[in-house]
Amino acid sequence: MPRALGGAVVRNRIKRRVREAVRCELDRLNPQWSIVINPRKRALDAPLPDLRREVERLFARCHGS
C-alpha cells in the first residue's frame, strides 16, 4: 500500500477495512480470479456498507466476464 495514503497506522486501518469488506463478499467471487485492490484514502472514512457494495460491484463485473 503506498505511503501517499498516510502513516502506517492509517494504511493498516484502511487495509483492515478493505479486507473486511472483501471477506464479507468473497463467496461471490469465482475461485479462478486473482484480484489486486488499490484502495484510496476515502476507504478510511467510507461506511462499511458502502465498501461492501463497491466490492460486490467489482466481483459482479468479474463474474460477468
PDB file of N, CA and C in Angstrom:
ATOM      1  N   MET A   1       0.853  -1.163   0.000  1.00  0.00           N
ATOM      2  CA  MET A   1       0.000   0.000   0.000  1.00  0.00           C
ATOM      3  C   MET A   1       0.907   1.237   0.000  1.00  0.00           C
ATOM      4  N   PRO A   2       0.612   2.204  -0.841  1.00  0.00           N
ATOM      5  CA  PRO A   2       1.503   3.363  -0.971  1.00  0.00           C
ATOM      6  C   PRO A   2       1.503   4.263   0.262  1.00  0.00           C
ATOM      7  N   ARG A   3       2.616   4.869   0.495  1.00  0.00           N
ATOM      8  CA  ARG A   3       2.749   5.792   1.638  1.00  0.00           C
ATOM      9  C   ARG A   3       1.908   7.040   1.473  1.00  0.00           C
ATOM     10  N   ALA A   4       1.487   7.317   0.250  1.00  0.00           N
ATOM     11  CA  ALA A   4       0.677   8.510  -0.007  1.00  0.00           C
ATOM     12  C   ALA A   4      -0.652   8.457   0.750  1.00  0.00           C
ATOM     13  N   LEU A   5      -1.043   7.269   1.178  1.00  0.00           N
ATOM     14  CA  LEU A   5      -2.296   7.126   1.930  1.00  0.00           C
ATOM     15  C   LEU A   5      -2.159   7.627   3.355  1.00  0.00           C
ATOM     16  N   GLY A   6      -0.962   7.702   3.865  1.00  0.00           N
ATOM     17  CA  GLY A   6      -0.748   8.171   5.228  1.00  0.00           C
ATOM     18  C   GLY A   6       0.300   7.330   5.917  1.00  0.00           C
ATOM     19  N   GLY A   7       0.385   7.518   7.230  1.00  0.00           N
ATOM     20  CA  GLY A   7       1.345   6.749   8.006  1.00  0.00           C
ATOM     21  C   GLY A   7       0.924   5.294   8.142  1.00  0.00           C
ATOM     22  N   ALA A   8       1.742   4.528   8.821  1.00  0.00           N
ATOM     23  CA  ALA A   8       1.495   3.097   8.957  1.00  0.00           C
ATOM     24  C   ALA A   8       0.151   2.811   9.633  1.00  0.00           C
ATOM     25  N   VAL A   9      -0.202   3.599  10.628  1.00  0.00           N
ATOM     26  CA  VAL A   9      -1.464   3.376  11.338  1.00  0.00           C
ATOM     27  C   VAL A   9      -2.645   3.559  10.389  1.00  0.00           C
ATOM     28  N   VAL A  10      -2.607   4.614   9.589  1.00  0.00           N
ATOM     29  CA  VAL A  10      -3.693   4.885   8.643  1.00  0.00           C
ATOM     30  C   VAL A  10      -3.740   3.799   7.572  1.00  0.00           C
ATOM     31  N   ARG A  11      -2.583   3.439   7.016  1.00  0.00           N
ATOM     32  CA  ARG A  11      -2.552   2.396   5.983  1.00  0.00           C
ATOM     33  C   ARG A  11      -3.080   1.079   6.517  1.00  0.00           C
ATOM     34  N   ASN A  12      -2.722   0.720   7.721  1.00  0.00           N
ATOM     35  CA  ASN A  12      -3.205  -0.535   8.303  1.00  0.00           C
ATOM     36  C   ASN A  12      -4.703  -0.492   8.570  1.00  0.00           C
ATOM     37  N   ARG A  13      -5.214   0.645   8.981  1.00  0.00           N
ATOM     38  CA  ARG A  13      -6.653   0.780   9.213  1.00  0.00           C
ATOM     39  C   ARG A  13      -7.420   0.618   7.898  1.00  0.00           C
ATOM     40  N   ILE A  14      -6.916   1.246   6.842  1.00  0.00           N
ATOM     41  CA  ILE A  14      -7.541   1.101   5.527  1.00  0.00           C
ATOM     42  C   ILE A  14      -7.492  -0.361   5.082  1.00  0.00           C
ATOM     43  N   LYS A  15      -6.341  -0.990   5.278  1.00  0.00           N
ATOM     44  CA  LYS A  15      -6.175  -2.382   4.883  1.00  0.00           C
ATOM     45  C   LYS A  15      -7.165  -3.286   5.618  1.00  0.00           C
ATOM     46  N   ARG A  16      -7.341  -3.061   6.915  1.00  0.00           N
ATOM     47  CA  ARG A  16      -8.287  -3.881   7.694  1.00  0.00           C
ATOM     48  C   ARG A  16      -9.717  -3.677   7.219  1.00  0.00           C
ATOM     49  N   ARG A  17     -10.091  -2.426   6.921  1.00  0.00           N
ATOM     50  CA  ARG A  17     -11.459  -2.138   6.469  1.00  0.00           C
ATOM     51  C   ARG A  17     -11.741  -2.777   5.111  1.00  0.00           C
ATOM     52  N   VAL A  18     -10.787  -2.653   4.191  1.00  0.00           N
ATOM     53  CA  VAL A  18     -10.976  -3.250   2.868  1.00  0.00           C
ATOM     54  C   VAL A  18     -10.982  -4.771   2.975  1.00  0.00           C
ATOM     55  N   ARG A  19     -10.115  -5.314   3.793  1.00  0.00           N
ATOM     56  CA  ARG A  19     -10.067  -6.770   3.967  1.00  0.00           C
ATOM     57  C   ARG A  19     -11.396  -7.299   4.517  1.00  0.00           C
ATOM     58  N   GLU A  20     -12.005  -6.579   5.450  1.00  0.00           N
ATOM     59  CA  GLU A  20     -13.299  -6.991   5.998  1.00  0.00           C
ATOM     60  C   GLU A  20     -14.385  -6.931   4.923  1.00  0.00           C
ATOM     61  N   ALA A  21     -14.385  -5.878   4.111  1.00  0.00           N
ATOM     62  CA  ALA A  21     -15.372  -5.761   3.035  1.00  0.00           C
ATOM     63  C   ALA A  21     -15.223  -6.914   2.042  1.00  0.00           C
ATOM     64  N   VAL A  22     -13.983  -7.269   1.721  1.00  0.00           N
ATOM     65  CA  VAL A  22     -13.743  -8.386   0.796  1.00  0.00           C
ATOM     66  C   VAL A  22     -14.153  -9.705   1.446  1.00  0.00           C
ATOM     67  N   ARG A  23     -13.827  -9.880   2.712  1.00  0.00           N
ATOM     68  CA  ARG A  23     -14.172 -11.124   3.403  1.00  0.00           C
ATOM     69  C   ARG A  23     -15.676 -11.377   3.367  1.00  0.00           C
ATOM     70  N   CYS A  24     -16.463 -10.328   3.537  1.00  0.00           N
ATOM     71  CA  CYS A  24     -17.921 -10.466   3.553  1.00  0.00           C
ATOM     72  C   CYS A  24     -18.482 -10.844   2.195  1.00  0.00           C
ATOM     73  N   GLU A  25     -17.786 -10.520   1.126  1.00  0.00           N
ATOM     74  CA  GLU A  25     -18.298 -10.757  -0.230  1.00  0.00           C
ATOM     75  C   GLU A  25     -17.523 -11.843  -0.975  1.00  0.00           C
ATOM     76  N   LEU A  26     -16.541 -12.447  -0.342  1.00  0.00           N
ATOM     77  CA  LEU A  26     -15.626 -13.356  -1.021  1.00  0.00           C
ATOM     78  C   LEU A  26     -16.313 -14.570  -1.637  1.00  0.00           C
ATOM     79  N   ASP A  27     -17.404 -15.029  -1.043  1.00  0.00           N
ATOM     80  CA  ASP A  27     -18.083 -16.215  -1.578  1.00  0.00           C
ATOM     81  C   ASP A  27     -18.719 -15.939  -2.944  1.00  0.00           C
ATOM     82  N   ARG A  28     -18.840 -14.681  -3.346  1.00  0.00           N
ATOM     83  CA  ARG A  28     -19.408 -14.311  -4.651  1.00  0.00           C
ATOM     84  C   ARG A  28     -18.380 -14.374  -5.773  1.00  0.00           C
ATOM     85  N   LEU A  29     -17.116 -14.472  -5.427  1.00  0.00           N
ATOM     86  CA  LEU A  29     -16.048 -14.430  -6.423  1.00  0.00           C
ATOM     87  C   LEU A  29     -15.690 -15.836  -6.877  1.00  0.00           C
ATOM     88  N   ASN A  30     -15.573 -15.985  -8.188  1.00  0.00           N
ATOM     89  CA  ASN A  30     -15.153 -17.257  -8.752  1.00  0.00           C
ATOM     90  C   ASN A  30     -13.702 -17.513  -8.330  1.00  0.00           C
ATOM     91  N   PRO A  31     -13.393 -18.732  -7.881  1.00  0.00           N
ATOM     92  CA  PRO A  31     -12.032 -19.013  -7.388  1.00  0.00           C
ATOM     93  C   PRO A  31     -10.939 -18.845  -8.437  1.00  0.00           C
ATOM     94  N   GLN A  32     -11.293 -18.804  -9.707  1.00  0.00           N
ATOM     95  CA  GLN A  32     -10.271 -18.663 -10.742  1.00  0.00           C
ATOM     96  C   GLN A  32      -9.698 -17.246 -10.809  1.00  0.00           C
ATOM     97  N   TRP A  33     -10.344 -16.292 -10.169  1.00  0.00           N
ATOM     98  CA  TRP A  33      -9.914 -14.905 -10.231  1.00  0.00           C
ATOM     99  C   TRP A  33      -8.880 -14.589  -9.162  1.00  0.00           C
ATOM    100  N   SER A  34      -7.917 -13.780  -9.546  1.00  0.00           N
ATOM    101  CA  SER A  34      -6.974 -13.167  -8.609  1.00  0.00           C
ATOM    102  C   SER A  34      -7.141 -11.659  -8.787  1.00  0.00           C
ATOM    103  N   ILE A  35      -7.430 -10.971  -7.718  1.00  0.00           N
ATOM    104  CA  ILE A  35      -7.731  -9.550  -7.798  1.00  0.00           C
ATOM    105  C   ILE A  35      -6.783  -8.765  -6.904  1.00  0.00           C
ATOM    106  N   VAL A  36      -6.303  -7.643  -7.422  1.00  0.00           N
ATOM    107  CA  VAL A  36      -5.499  -6.700  -6.647  1.00  0.00           C
ATOM    108  C   VAL A  36      -6.361  -5.463  -6.444  1.00  0.00           C
ATOM    109  N   ILE A  37      -6.544  -5.066  -5.205  1.00  0.00           N
ATOM    110  CA  ILE A  37      -7.349  -3.895  -4.884  1.00  0.00           C
ATOM    111  C   ILE A  37      -6.403  -2.787  -4.451  1.00  0.00           C
ATOM    112  N   ASN A  38      -6.541  -1.650  -5.103  1.00  0.00           N
ATOM    113  CA  ASN A  38      -5.715  -0.483  -4.793  1.00  0.00           C
ATOM    114  C   ASN A  38      -6.630   0.547  -4.129  1.00  0.00           C
ATOM    115  N   PRO A  39      -6.708   0.537  -2.802  1.00  0.00           N
ATOM    116  CA  PRO A  39      -7.653   1.428  -2.118  1.00  0.00           C
ATOM    117  C   PRO A  39      -7.235   2.885  -2.183  1.00  0.00           C
ATOM    118  N   ARG A  40      -8.201   3.746  -2.014  1.00  0.00           N
ATOM    119  CA  ARG A  40      -7.980   5.178  -1.932  1.00  0.00           C
ATOM    120  C   ARG A  40      -8.157   5.615  -0.484  1.00  0.00           C
ATOM    121  N   LYS A  41      -7.727   6.810  -0.191  1.00  0.00           N
ATOM    122  CA  LYS A  41      -7.825   7.316   1.173  1.00  0.00           C
ATOM    123  C   LYS A  41      -9.278   7.403   1.645  1.00  0.00           C
ATOM    124  N   ARG A  42     -10.219   7.567   0.693  1.00  0.00           N
ATOM    125  CA  ARG A  42     -11.644   7.623   1.044  1.00  0.00           C
ATOM    126  C   ARG A  42     -12.106   6.349   1.751  1.00  0.00           C
ATOM    127  N   ALA A  43     -11.406   5.233   1.543  1.00  0.00           N
ATOM    128  CA  ALA A  43     -11.785   3.973   2.187  1.00  0.00           C
ATOM    129  C   ALA A  43     -11.690   4.074   3.707  1.00  0.00           C
ATOM    130  N   LEU A  44     -10.906   5.006   4.200  1.00  0.00           N
ATOM    131  CA  LEU A  44     -10.750   5.191   5.641  1.00  0.00           C
ATOM    132  C   LEU A  44     -12.032   5.704   6.280  1.00  0.00           C
ATOM    133  N   ASP A  45     -12.733   6.620   5.605  1.00  0.00           N
ATOM    134  CA  ASP A  45     -13.919   7.249   6.178  1.00  0.00           C
ATOM    135  C   ASP A  45     -15.232   6.697   5.627  1.00  0.00           C
ATOM    136  N   ALA A  46     -15.160   5.897   4.578  1.00  0.00           N
ATOM    137  CA  ALA A  46     -16.384   5.383   3.960  1.00  0.00           C
ATOM    138  C   ALA A  46     -17.066   4.396   4.902  1.00  0.00           C
ATOM    139  N   PRO A  47     -18.398   4.431   4.982  1.00  0.00           N
ATOM    140  CA  PRO A  47     -19.110   3.446   5.796  1.00  0.00           C
ATOM    141  C   PRO A  47     -18.866   2.035   5.242  1.00  0.00           C
ATOM    142  N   LEU A  48     -18.783   1.065   6.128  1.00  0.00           N
ATOM    143  CA  LEU A  48     -18.505  -0.314   5.709  1.00  0.00           C
ATOM    144  C   LEU A  48     -19.531  -0.828   4.695  1.00  0.00           C
ATOM    145  N   PRO A  49     -20.824  -0.528   4.833  1.00  0.00           N
ATOM    146  CA  PRO A  49     -21.769  -0.996   3.796  1.00  0.00           C
ATOM    147  C   PRO A  49     -21.435  -0.453   2.404  1.00  0.00           C
ATOM    148  N   ASP A  50     -20.912   0.766   2.334  1.00  0.00           N
ATOM    149  CA  ASP A  50     -20.514   1.318   1.036  1.00  0.00           C
ATOM    150  C   ASP A  50     -19.306   0.580   0.471  1.00  0.00           C
ATOM    151  N   LEU A  51     -18.344   0.259   1.334  1.00  0.00           N
ATOM    152  CA  LEU A  51     -17.188  -0.511   0.880  1.00  0.00           C
ATOM    153  C   LEU A  51     -17.620  -1.891   0.388  1.00  0.00           C
ATOM    154  N   ARG A  52     -18.503  -2.525   1.139  1.00  0.00           N
ATOM    155  CA  ARG A  52     -19.001  -3.848   0.727  1.00  0.00           C
ATOM    156  C   ARG A  52     -19.719  -3.764  -0.604  1.00  0.00           C
ATOM    157  N   ARG A  53     -20.502  -2.706  -0.815  1.00  0.00           N
ATOM    158  CA  ARG A  53     -21.238  -2.540  -2.068  1.00  0.00           C
ATOM    159  C   ARG A  53     -20.262  -2.384  -3.246  1.00  0.00           C
ATOM    160  N   GLU A  54     -19.184  -1.645  -3.043  1.00  0.00           N
ATOM    161  CA  GLU A  54     -18.187  -1.474  -4.100  1.00  0.00           C
ATOM    162  C   GLU A  54     -17.482  -2.795  -4.413  1.00  0.00           C
ATOM    163  N   VAL A  55     -17.156  -3.556  -3.370  1.00  0.00           N
ATOM    164  CA  VAL A  55     -16.523  -4.859  -3.581  1.00  0.00           C
ATOM    165  C   VAL A  55     -17.496  -5.792  -4.306  1.00  0.00           C
ATOM    166  N   GLU A  56     -18.755  -5.746  -3.920  1.00  0.00           N
ATOM    167  CA  GLU A  56     -19.772  -6.568  -4.584  1.00  0.00           C
ATOM    168  C   GLU A  56     -19.864  -6.202  -6.074  1.00  0.00           C
ATOM    169  N   ARG A  57     -19.847  -4.910  -6.385  1.00  0.00           N
ATOM    170  CA  ARG A  57     -19.885  -4.473  -7.797  1.00  0.00           C
ATOM    171  C   ARG A  57     -18.667  -4.980  -8.558  1.00  0.00           C
ATOM    172  N   LEU A  58     -17.496  -4.904  -7.940  1.00  0.00           N
ATOM    173  CA  LEU A  58     -16.275  -5.396  -8.570  1.00  0.00           C
ATOM    174  C   LEU A  58     -16.379  -6.890  -8.852  1.00  0.00           C
ATOM    175  N   PHE A  59     -16.823  -7.654  -7.865  1.00  0.00           N
ATOM    176  CA  PHE A  59     -16.929  -9.093  -8.039  1.00  0.00           C
ATOM    177  C   PHE A  59     -17.979  -9.454  -9.086  1.00  0.00           C
ATOM    178  N   ALA A  60     -19.050  -8.666  -9.162  1.00  0.00           N
ATOM    179  CA  ALA A  60     -20.086  -8.909 -10.178  1.00  0.00           C
ATOM    180  C   ALA A  60     -19.515  -8.699 -11.580  1.00  0.00           C
ATOM    181  N   ARG A  61     -18.668  -7.692 -11.731  1.00  0.00           N
ATOM    182  CA  ARG A  61     -18.025  -7.465 -13.026  1.00  0.00           C
ATOM    183  C   ARG A  61     -17.109  -8.627 -13.399  1.00  0.00           C
ATOM    184  N   CYS A  62     -16.456  -9.195 -12.421  1.00  0.00           N
ATOM    185  CA  CYS A  62     -15.585 -10.360 -12.684  1.00  0.00           C
ATOM    186  C   CYS A  62     -16.416 -11.586 -13.073  1.00  0.00           C
ATOM    187  N   HIS A  63     -17.557 -11.711 -12.439  1.00  0.00           N
ATOM    188  CA  HIS A  63     -18.436 -12.846 -12.698  1.00  0.00           C
ATOM    189  C   HIS A  63     -19.012 -12.779 -14.115  1.00  0.00           C
ATOM    190  N   GLY A  64     -19.277 -11.563 -14.577  1.00  0.00           N
ATOM    191  CA  GLY A  64     -19.864 -11.372 -15.898  1.00  0.00           C
ATOM    192  C   GLY A  64     -18.873 -11.581 -17.036  1.00  0.00           C
ATOM    193  N   SER A  65     -17.591 -11.532 -16.739  1.00  0.00           N
ATOM    194  CA  SER A  65     -16.577 -11.664 -17.786  1.00  0.00           C
ATOM    195  C   SER A  65     -16.329 -13.091 -18.161  1.00  0.00           C
TER     196      SER A  65
END
